[in-house]
Amino acid sequence: MQTSERGIKMIIAFEGIELKAYRCPAGIWTIGVGHTGTVDDEAIHAEMSITEEKALNILQSDLRQIERYINRQTFAEYLTQGQFDALVSFIFNIGTAAFQSSTMRKILSCKNTPEKVAKEFERWVYGRVNGKKEKLPGLIKRRNTEKELFLNG
């Protein structure tokens, strides 16, 4: 499966498109549509800027990695397009390493009901603010949207 246009638009809506590098709330250099790491083998840094076309190309590459990851999972064969898109958005945000060890992945692998899986989105709404773990309104909104997409396409 691949991320639908609807899924891509949702990710862009939550992440935004930043053509100049910035530090995300976790302090990580980020550019484009939530991209971290490198651009053309160059570490993202304060002076870096890219075009919108480059940002969208990087997003496509980032999404392909997540899509391959999901498609290799045992639960991939029974996902609807909405469920797939919701998972891509979720994993794009938290990373494959966090997802790999998550309860959500375990529940999906056991082929539980969509409702049981969807409840797990609600657990991923915390971030660090001034060193303290807090619920973040932006993450609550994102997770509610992902949960709705997972349940109802």
N, C-alpha and C. Protein backbone atom coordinates (compact mmCIF):
# COMPACT_ATOMS: atom_id res chain seq x y z
N MET A 1 0.83 -1.18 0.00
CA MET A 1 0.00 0.00 0.00
C MET A 1 0.88 1.25 0.00
N GLN A 2 0.27 2.33 -0.43
CA GLN A 2 0.93 3.63 -0.41
C GLN A 2 0.01 4.64 0.26
N THR A 3 0.59 5.70 0.77
CA THR A 3 -0.18 6.77 1.38
C THR A 3 -1.03 7.45 0.32
N SER A 4 -2.29 7.65 0.64
CA SER A 4 -3.19 8.33 -0.30
C SER A 4 -2.92 9.83 -0.30
N GLU A 5 -3.48 10.50 -1.29
CA GLU A 5 -3.36 11.96 -1.35
C GLU A 5 -3.96 12.59 -0.09
N ARG A 6 -5.06 12.02 0.37
CA ARG A 6 -5.69 12.52 1.61
C ARG A 6 -4.73 12.39 2.79
N GLY A 7 -4.05 11.25 2.89
CA GLY A 7 -3.09 11.04 3.97
C GLY A 7 -1.93 12.02 3.90
N ILE A 8 -1.42 12.25 2.70
CA ILE A 8 -0.31 13.19 2.52
C ILE A 8 -0.74 14.60 2.92
N LYS A 9 -1.92 15.00 2.50
CA LYS A 9 -2.41 16.35 2.85
C LYS A 9 -2.58 16.50 4.36
N MET A 10 -3.02 15.43 5.02
CA MET A 10 -3.17 15.48 6.47
C MET A 10 -1.82 15.67 7.15
N ILE A 11 -0.83 14.93 6.71
CA ILE A 11 0.52 15.05 7.29
C ILE A 11 1.05 16.47 7.08
N ILE A 12 0.90 17.00 5.88
CA ILE A 12 1.37 18.36 5.61
C ILE A 12 0.62 19.37 6.47
N ALA A 13 -0.68 19.16 6.67
CA ALA A 13 -1.46 20.08 7.49
C ALA A 13 -0.95 20.11 8.93
N PHE A 14 -0.58 18.95 9.47
CA PHE A 14 -0.08 18.91 10.84
C PHE A 14 1.37 19.34 10.96
N GLU A 15 2.19 18.98 10.01
CA GLU A 15 3.62 19.28 10.08
C GLU A 15 3.94 20.68 9.56
N GLY A 16 3.18 21.13 8.56
CA GLY A 16 3.53 22.38 7.88
C GLY A 16 4.69 22.16 6.93
N ILE A 17 4.99 23.17 6.14
CA ILE A 17 6.15 23.12 5.25
C ILE A 17 7.04 24.30 5.61
N GLU A 18 8.19 24.00 6.15
CA GLU A 18 9.15 25.04 6.54
C GLU A 18 10.36 24.95 5.62
N LEU A 19 10.58 26.01 4.86
CA LEU A 19 11.67 26.00 3.88
C LEU A 19 13.00 26.43 4.47
N LYS A 20 12.98 26.94 5.68
CA LYS A 20 14.21 27.28 6.41
C LYS A 20 14.31 26.38 7.63
N ALA A 21 15.50 25.91 7.91
CA ALA A 21 15.71 25.00 9.04
C ALA A 21 15.30 25.67 10.35
N TYR A 22 14.77 24.84 11.24
CA TYR A 22 14.36 25.31 12.57
C TYR A 22 14.54 24.17 13.56
N ARG A 23 14.56 24.51 14.81
CA ARG A 23 14.61 23.49 15.85
C ARG A 23 13.18 23.17 16.30
N CYS A 24 12.84 21.89 16.24
CA CYS A 24 11.51 21.46 16.69
C CYS A 24 11.45 21.58 18.22
N PRO A 25 10.28 21.36 18.83
CA PRO A 25 10.18 21.47 20.29
C PRO A 25 11.16 20.56 21.05
N ALA A 26 11.58 19.47 20.42
CA ALA A 26 12.54 18.57 21.06
C ALA A 26 13.98 19.05 20.84
N GLY A 27 14.16 20.17 20.12
CA GLY A 27 15.48 20.72 19.90
C GLY A 27 16.23 20.14 18.71
N ILE A 28 15.54 19.40 17.86
CA ILE A 28 16.16 18.74 16.71
C ILE A 28 16.02 19.62 15.47
N TRP A 29 17.12 19.79 14.71
CA TRP A 29 17.06 20.57 13.48
C TRP A 29 16.13 19.87 12.50
N THR A 30 15.21 20.64 11.95
CA THR A 30 14.14 20.13 11.09
C THR A 30 13.97 21.07 9.91
N ILE A 31 13.52 20.52 8.78
CA ILE A 31 13.25 21.34 7.59
C ILE A 31 12.19 20.65 6.75
N GLY A 32 11.58 21.39 5.84
CA GLY A 32 10.58 20.80 4.95
C GLY A 32 9.35 20.40 5.72
N VAL A 33 8.87 19.20 5.46
CA VAL A 33 7.69 18.66 6.14
C VAL A 33 8.17 17.72 7.24
N GLY A 34 8.60 18.29 8.35
CA GLY A 34 9.02 17.50 9.50
C GLY A 34 10.23 16.61 9.28
N HIS A 35 11.10 16.99 8.34
CA HIS A 35 12.26 16.15 8.01
C HIS A 35 13.44 16.49 8.93
N THR A 36 14.04 15.44 9.46
CA THR A 36 15.24 15.59 10.31
C THR A 36 16.38 14.79 9.68
N GLY A 37 17.57 15.02 10.16
CA GLY A 37 18.72 14.25 9.66
C GLY A 37 19.53 15.05 8.67
N THR A 38 19.48 14.64 7.39
CA THR A 38 20.29 15.29 6.37
C THR A 38 19.46 15.63 5.14
N VAL A 39 19.99 16.55 4.36
CA VAL A 39 19.46 16.89 3.04
C VAL A 39 20.65 16.83 2.09
N ASP A 40 20.56 15.96 1.10
CA ASP A 40 21.66 15.76 0.15
C ASP A 40 22.98 15.52 0.89
N ASP A 41 22.93 14.64 1.88
CA ASP A 41 24.09 14.23 2.68
C ASP A 41 24.68 15.35 3.54
N GLU A 42 23.96 16.44 3.71
CA GLU A 42 24.42 17.54 4.57
C GLU A 42 23.49 17.62 5.78
N ALA A 43 24.08 17.64 6.97
CA ALA A 43 23.28 17.73 8.19
C ALA A 43 22.47 19.02 8.16
N ILE A 44 21.24 18.93 8.60
CA ILE A 44 20.39 20.13 8.68
C ILE A 44 20.99 21.06 9.73
N HIS A 45 21.07 22.34 9.38
CA HIS A 45 21.68 23.33 10.27
C HIS A 45 20.95 24.66 10.13
N ALA A 46 21.30 25.61 10.97
CA ALA A 46 20.59 26.88 11.07
C ALA A 46 20.48 27.65 9.76
N GLU A 47 21.49 27.61 8.93
CA GLU A 47 21.48 28.41 7.71
C GLU A 47 20.84 27.70 6.52
N MET A 48 20.43 26.47 6.68
CA MET A 48 19.92 25.69 5.56
C MET A 48 18.54 26.16 5.13
N SER A 49 18.33 26.20 3.82
CA SER A 49 17.01 26.44 3.27
C SER A 49 16.84 25.58 2.01
N ILE A 50 15.60 25.28 1.69
CA ILE A 50 15.29 24.45 0.53
C ILE A 50 14.08 25.04 -0.19
N THR A 51 13.80 24.54 -1.38
CA THR A 51 12.61 24.96 -2.12
C THR A 51 11.42 24.11 -1.69
N GLU A 52 10.23 24.57 -2.03
CA GLU A 52 9.04 23.78 -1.73
C GLU A 52 9.07 22.46 -2.50
N GLU A 53 9.54 22.50 -3.73
CA GLU A 53 9.65 21.27 -4.52
C GLU A 53 10.57 20.27 -3.83
N LYS A 54 11.69 20.73 -3.31
CA LYS A 54 12.63 19.86 -2.60
C LYS A 54 11.96 19.30 -1.33
N ALA A 55 11.24 20.14 -0.62
CA ALA A 55 10.55 19.70 0.60
C ALA A 55 9.57 18.58 0.29
N LEU A 56 8.82 18.71 -0.80
CA LEU A 56 7.84 17.69 -1.16
C LEU A 56 8.52 16.41 -1.65
N ASN A 57 9.66 16.54 -2.33
CA ASN A 57 10.41 15.36 -2.75
C ASN A 57 10.97 14.61 -1.54
N ILE A 58 11.48 15.35 -0.56
CA ILE A 58 11.99 14.72 0.66
C ILE A 58 10.85 14.03 1.40
N LEU A 59 9.69 14.68 1.46
CA LEU A 59 8.53 14.06 2.10
C LEU A 59 8.19 12.74 1.43
N GLN A 60 8.16 12.71 0.11
CA GLN A 60 7.87 11.46 -0.61
C GLN A 60 8.86 10.37 -0.22
N SER A 61 10.13 10.72 -0.14
CA SER A 61 11.15 9.75 0.25
C SER A 61 10.93 9.26 1.68
N ASP A 62 10.65 10.18 2.59
CA ASP A 62 10.38 9.81 3.98
C ASP A 62 9.17 8.90 4.08
N LEU A 63 8.12 9.23 3.32
CA LEU A 63 6.90 8.41 3.35
C LEU A 63 7.16 7.02 2.80
N ARG A 64 7.96 6.90 1.75
CA ARG A 64 8.26 5.58 1.17
C ARG A 64 8.91 4.67 2.20
N GLN A 65 9.79 5.23 3.02
CA GLN A 65 10.44 4.42 4.07
C GLN A 65 9.42 3.90 5.07
N ILE A 66 8.49 4.75 5.48
CA ILE A 66 7.46 4.34 6.44
C ILE A 66 6.51 3.34 5.79
N GLU A 67 6.14 3.58 4.54
CA GLU A 67 5.26 2.65 3.83
C GLU A 67 5.89 1.27 3.73
N ARG A 68 7.18 1.20 3.39
CA ARG A 68 7.87 -0.10 3.32
C ARG A 68 7.86 -0.78 4.69
N TYR A 69 8.11 0.01 5.72
CA TYR A 69 8.10 -0.54 7.08
C TYR A 69 6.73 -1.15 7.40
N ILE A 70 5.66 -0.40 7.17
CA ILE A 70 4.32 -0.90 7.48
C ILE A 70 3.98 -2.12 6.62
N ASN A 71 4.30 -2.05 5.35
CA ASN A 71 3.96 -3.15 4.44
C ASN A 71 4.68 -4.45 4.78
N ARG A 72 5.77 -4.39 5.52
CA ARG A 72 6.49 -5.60 5.94
C ARG A 72 5.91 -6.21 7.22
N GLN A 73 5.01 -5.49 7.88
CA GLN A 73 4.45 -5.97 9.15
C GLN A 73 3.39 -7.04 8.90
N THR A 74 3.20 -7.91 9.86
CA THR A 74 2.23 -9.00 9.71
C THR A 74 0.80 -8.49 9.60
N PHE A 75 0.51 -7.33 10.14
CA PHE A 75 -0.84 -6.81 10.11
C PHE A 75 -1.17 -6.04 8.83
N ALA A 76 -0.20 -5.78 7.99
CA ALA A 76 -0.39 -4.92 6.82
C ALA A 76 -1.46 -5.45 5.87
N GLU A 77 -1.59 -6.75 5.78
CA GLU A 77 -2.51 -7.34 4.79
C GLU A 77 -3.98 -7.03 5.04
N TYR A 78 -4.34 -6.65 6.25
CA TYR A 78 -5.75 -6.41 6.52
C TYR A 78 -6.08 -4.94 6.83
N LEU A 79 -5.18 -4.03 6.52
CA LEU A 79 -5.44 -2.61 6.76
C LEU A 79 -6.28 -2.01 5.63
N THR A 80 -7.19 -1.13 6.00
CA THR A 80 -7.90 -0.34 5.00
C THR A 80 -7.00 0.84 4.62
N GLN A 81 -7.37 1.58 3.58
CA GLN A 81 -6.57 2.74 3.19
C GLN A 81 -6.55 3.79 4.31
N GLY A 82 -7.68 4.01 4.94
CA GLY A 82 -7.73 4.96 6.05
C GLY A 82 -6.84 4.54 7.21
N GLN A 83 -6.86 3.26 7.54
CA GLN A 83 -6.00 2.76 8.62
C GLN A 83 -4.53 2.91 8.25
N PHE A 84 -4.21 2.59 7.01
CA PHE A 84 -2.83 2.72 6.54
C PHE A 84 -2.38 4.18 6.64
N ASP A 85 -3.20 5.09 6.14
CA ASP A 85 -2.85 6.52 6.18
C ASP A 85 -2.68 7.01 7.61
N ALA A 86 -3.56 6.59 8.51
CA ALA A 86 -3.46 6.99 9.91
C ALA A 86 -2.16 6.49 10.52
N LEU A 87 -1.78 5.26 10.21
CA LEU A 87 -0.53 4.71 10.73
C LEU A 87 0.68 5.43 10.15
N VAL A 88 0.64 5.75 8.87
CA VAL A 88 1.76 6.48 8.26
C VAL A 88 1.93 7.83 8.98
N SER A 89 0.85 8.56 9.18
CA SER A 89 0.93 9.85 9.87
C SER A 89 1.49 9.68 11.28
N PHE A 90 0.98 8.68 11.98
CA PHE A 90 1.40 8.42 13.36
C PHE A 90 2.89 8.08 13.41
N ILE A 91 3.32 7.15 12.57
CA ILE A 91 4.72 6.72 12.59
C ILE A 91 5.63 7.83 12.07
N PHE A 92 5.17 8.62 11.11
CA PHE A 92 5.94 9.77 10.64
C PHE A 92 6.25 10.68 11.81
N ASN A 93 5.31 10.82 12.73
CA ASN A 93 5.46 11.72 13.87
C ASN A 93 6.30 11.12 14.99
N ILE A 94 6.12 9.84 15.30
CA ILE A 94 6.83 9.26 16.46
C ILE A 94 8.09 8.49 16.08
N GLY A 95 8.20 8.07 14.83
CA GLY A 95 9.35 7.30 14.38
C GLY A 95 9.11 5.80 14.44
N THR A 96 9.82 5.08 13.58
CA THR A 96 9.63 3.63 13.52
C THR A 96 10.14 2.93 14.78
N ALA A 97 11.20 3.45 15.39
CA ALA A 97 11.74 2.80 16.59
C ALA A 97 10.72 2.84 17.72
N ALA A 98 10.09 3.98 17.94
CA ALA A 98 9.08 4.09 18.99
C ALA A 98 7.88 3.20 18.66
N PHE A 99 7.47 3.18 17.41
CA PHE A 99 6.34 2.35 17.02
C PHE A 99 6.66 0.87 17.19
N GLN A 100 7.87 0.47 16.84
CA GLN A 100 8.26 -0.94 16.90
C GLN A 100 8.06 -1.51 18.30
N SER A 101 8.33 -0.71 19.32
CA SER A 101 8.21 -1.21 20.69
C SER A 101 6.88 -0.81 21.34
N SER A 102 5.96 -0.25 20.56
CA SER A 102 4.70 0.25 21.12
C SER A 102 3.67 -0.86 21.35
N THR A 103 2.78 -0.58 22.28
CA THR A 103 1.64 -1.45 22.51
C THR A 103 0.74 -1.48 21.27
N MET A 104 0.63 -0.36 20.58
CA MET A 104 -0.21 -0.31 19.39
C MET A 104 0.24 -1.36 18.37
N ARG A 105 1.54 -1.46 18.14
CA ARG A 105 2.05 -2.44 17.19
C ARG A 105 1.71 -3.86 17.65
N LYS A 106 1.85 -4.11 18.93
CA LYS A 106 1.53 -5.44 19.46
C LYS A 106 0.05 -5.77 19.27
N ILE A 107 -0.80 -4.79 19.54
CA ILE A 107 -2.25 -4.99 19.37
C ILE A 107 -2.58 -5.23 17.90
N LEU A 108 -1.98 -4.47 17.01
CA LEU A 108 -2.20 -4.68 15.57
C LEU A 108 -1.75 -6.06 15.14
N SER A 109 -0.60 -6.50 15.64
CA SER A 109 -0.05 -7.80 15.26
C SER A 109 -0.93 -8.95 15.73
N CYS A 110 -1.69 -8.73 16.79
CA CYS A 110 -2.62 -9.76 17.30
C CYS A 110 -3.98 -9.69 16.64
N LYS A 111 -4.10 -8.83 15.62
CA LYS A 111 -5.34 -8.68 14.85
C LYS A 111 -6.54 -8.37 15.73
N ASN A 112 -6.34 -7.44 16.65
CA ASN A 112 -7.44 -6.98 17.50
C ASN A 112 -8.38 -6.08 16.72
N THR A 113 -9.47 -5.71 17.34
CA THR A 113 -10.46 -4.87 16.67
C THR A 113 -9.89 -3.48 16.40
N PRO A 114 -10.38 -2.81 15.36
CA PRO A 114 -9.93 -1.44 15.08
C PRO A 114 -10.16 -0.51 16.28
N GLU A 115 -11.23 -0.72 17.02
CA GLU A 115 -11.51 0.13 18.18
C GLU A 115 -10.43 -0.01 19.25
N LYS A 116 -9.96 -1.23 19.46
CA LYS A 116 -8.91 -1.44 20.46
C LYS A 116 -7.61 -0.79 20.00
N VAL A 117 -7.29 -0.92 18.73
CA VAL A 117 -6.09 -0.28 18.19
C VAL A 117 -6.22 1.24 18.31
N ALA A 118 -7.37 1.77 17.92
CA ALA A 118 -7.58 3.22 17.89
C ALA A 118 -7.43 3.86 19.27
N LYS A 119 -7.77 3.15 20.32
CA LYS A 119 -7.60 3.68 21.68
C LYS A 119 -6.15 4.04 21.96
N GLU A 120 -5.22 3.35 21.30
CA GLU A 120 -3.80 3.59 21.55
C GLU A 120 -3.33 4.97 21.07
N PHE A 121 -4.02 5.55 20.08
CA PHE A 121 -3.64 6.89 19.62
C PHE A 121 -3.68 7.88 20.78
N GLU A 122 -4.65 7.70 21.67
CA GLU A 122 -4.86 8.61 22.79
C GLU A 122 -3.67 8.65 23.75
N ARG A 123 -2.85 7.63 23.75
CA ARG A 123 -1.71 7.56 24.68
C ARG A 123 -0.52 8.40 24.22
N TRP A 124 -0.50 8.81 22.96
CA TRP A 124 0.66 9.47 22.37
C TRP A 124 0.45 10.97 22.21
N VAL A 125 0.04 11.62 23.28
CA VAL A 125 -0.27 13.06 23.23
C VAL A 125 0.66 13.89 24.12
N TYR A 126 1.73 13.28 24.61
CA TYR A 126 2.61 13.96 25.54
C TYR A 126 3.90 14.43 24.88
N GLY A 127 4.39 15.52 25.38
CA GLY A 127 5.69 16.05 24.96
C GLY A 127 6.34 16.72 26.16
N ARG A 128 7.56 17.13 25.99
CA ARG A 128 8.30 17.80 27.07
C ARG A 128 8.19 19.31 26.89
N VAL A 129 7.77 19.97 27.96
CA VAL A 129 7.71 21.43 28.00
C VAL A 129 8.48 21.86 29.23
N ASN A 130 9.56 22.58 29.01
CA ASN A 130 10.43 23.00 30.12
C ASN A 130 10.84 21.82 31.00
N GLY A 131 11.14 20.69 30.35
CA GLY A 131 11.60 19.51 31.06
C GLY A 131 10.51 18.68 31.70
N LYS A 132 9.25 19.10 31.58
CA LYS A 132 8.14 18.36 32.18
C LYS A 132 7.29 17.72 31.11
N LYS A 133 6.83 16.50 31.38
CA LYS A 133 5.95 15.78 30.47
C LYS A 133 4.55 16.37 30.57
N GLU A 134 4.03 16.85 29.43
CA GLU A 134 2.70 17.48 29.43
C GLU A 134 1.93 17.05 28.19
N LYS A 135 0.59 17.07 28.30
CA LYS A 135 -0.25 16.86 27.13
C LYS A 135 -0.13 18.10 26.26
N LEU A 136 0.07 17.89 24.97
CA LEU A 136 0.21 19.00 24.04
C LEU A 136 -1.05 19.10 23.17
N PRO A 137 -1.69 20.27 23.13
CA PRO A 137 -2.92 20.43 22.36
C PRO A 137 -2.77 20.03 20.89
N GLY A 138 -1.64 20.34 20.28
CA GLY A 138 -1.42 19.97 18.88
C GLY A 138 -1.39 18.47 18.68
N LEU A 139 -0.78 17.76 19.64
CA LEU A 139 -0.74 16.29 19.54
C LEU A 139 -2.11 15.68 19.82
N ILE A 140 -2.87 16.28 20.73
CA ILE A 140 -4.22 15.79 21.00
C ILE A 140 -5.06 15.89 19.72
N LYS A 141 -4.98 17.04 19.05
CA LYS A 141 -5.74 17.23 17.81
C LYS A 141 -5.29 16.25 16.74
N ARG A 142 -3.97 16.09 16.60
CA ARG A 142 -3.45 15.17 15.58
C ARG A 142 -3.90 13.74 15.86
N ARG A 143 -3.76 13.29 17.09
CA ARG A 143 -4.13 11.92 17.43
C ARG A 143 -5.63 11.68 17.26
N ASN A 144 -6.44 12.67 17.59
CA ASN A 144 -7.88 12.52 17.37
C ASN A 144 -8.19 12.38 15.88
N THR A 145 -7.50 13.13 15.05
CA THR A 145 -7.70 13.04 13.61
C THR A 145 -7.23 11.69 13.09
N GLU A 146 -6.06 11.23 13.55
CA GLU A 146 -5.55 9.92 13.14
C GLU A 146 -6.49 8.80 13.59
N LYS A 147 -6.98 8.90 14.81
CA LYS A 147 -7.90 7.90 15.35
C LYS A 147 -9.18 7.84 14.52
N GLU A 148 -9.73 9.00 14.21
CA GLU A 148 -10.95 9.07 13.38
C GLU A 148 -10.70 8.45 12.01
N LEU A 149 -9.58 8.78 11.40
CA LEU A 149 -9.24 8.21 10.09
C LEU A 149 -9.07 6.70 10.20
N PHE A 150 -8.43 6.23 11.27
CA PHE A 150 -8.22 4.80 11.47
C PHE A 150 -9.57 4.06 11.57
N LEU A 151 -10.50 4.66 12.28
CA LEU A 151 -11.80 4.01 12.50
C LEU A 151 -12.77 4.14 11.34
N ASN A 152 -12.75 5.28 10.69
CA ASN A 152 -13.81 5.57 9.71
C ASN A 152 -13.30 5.90 8.31
N GLY A 153 -12.01 5.83 8.10
CA GLY A 153 -11.48 6.10 6.75
C GLY A 153 -11.73 7.51 6.37
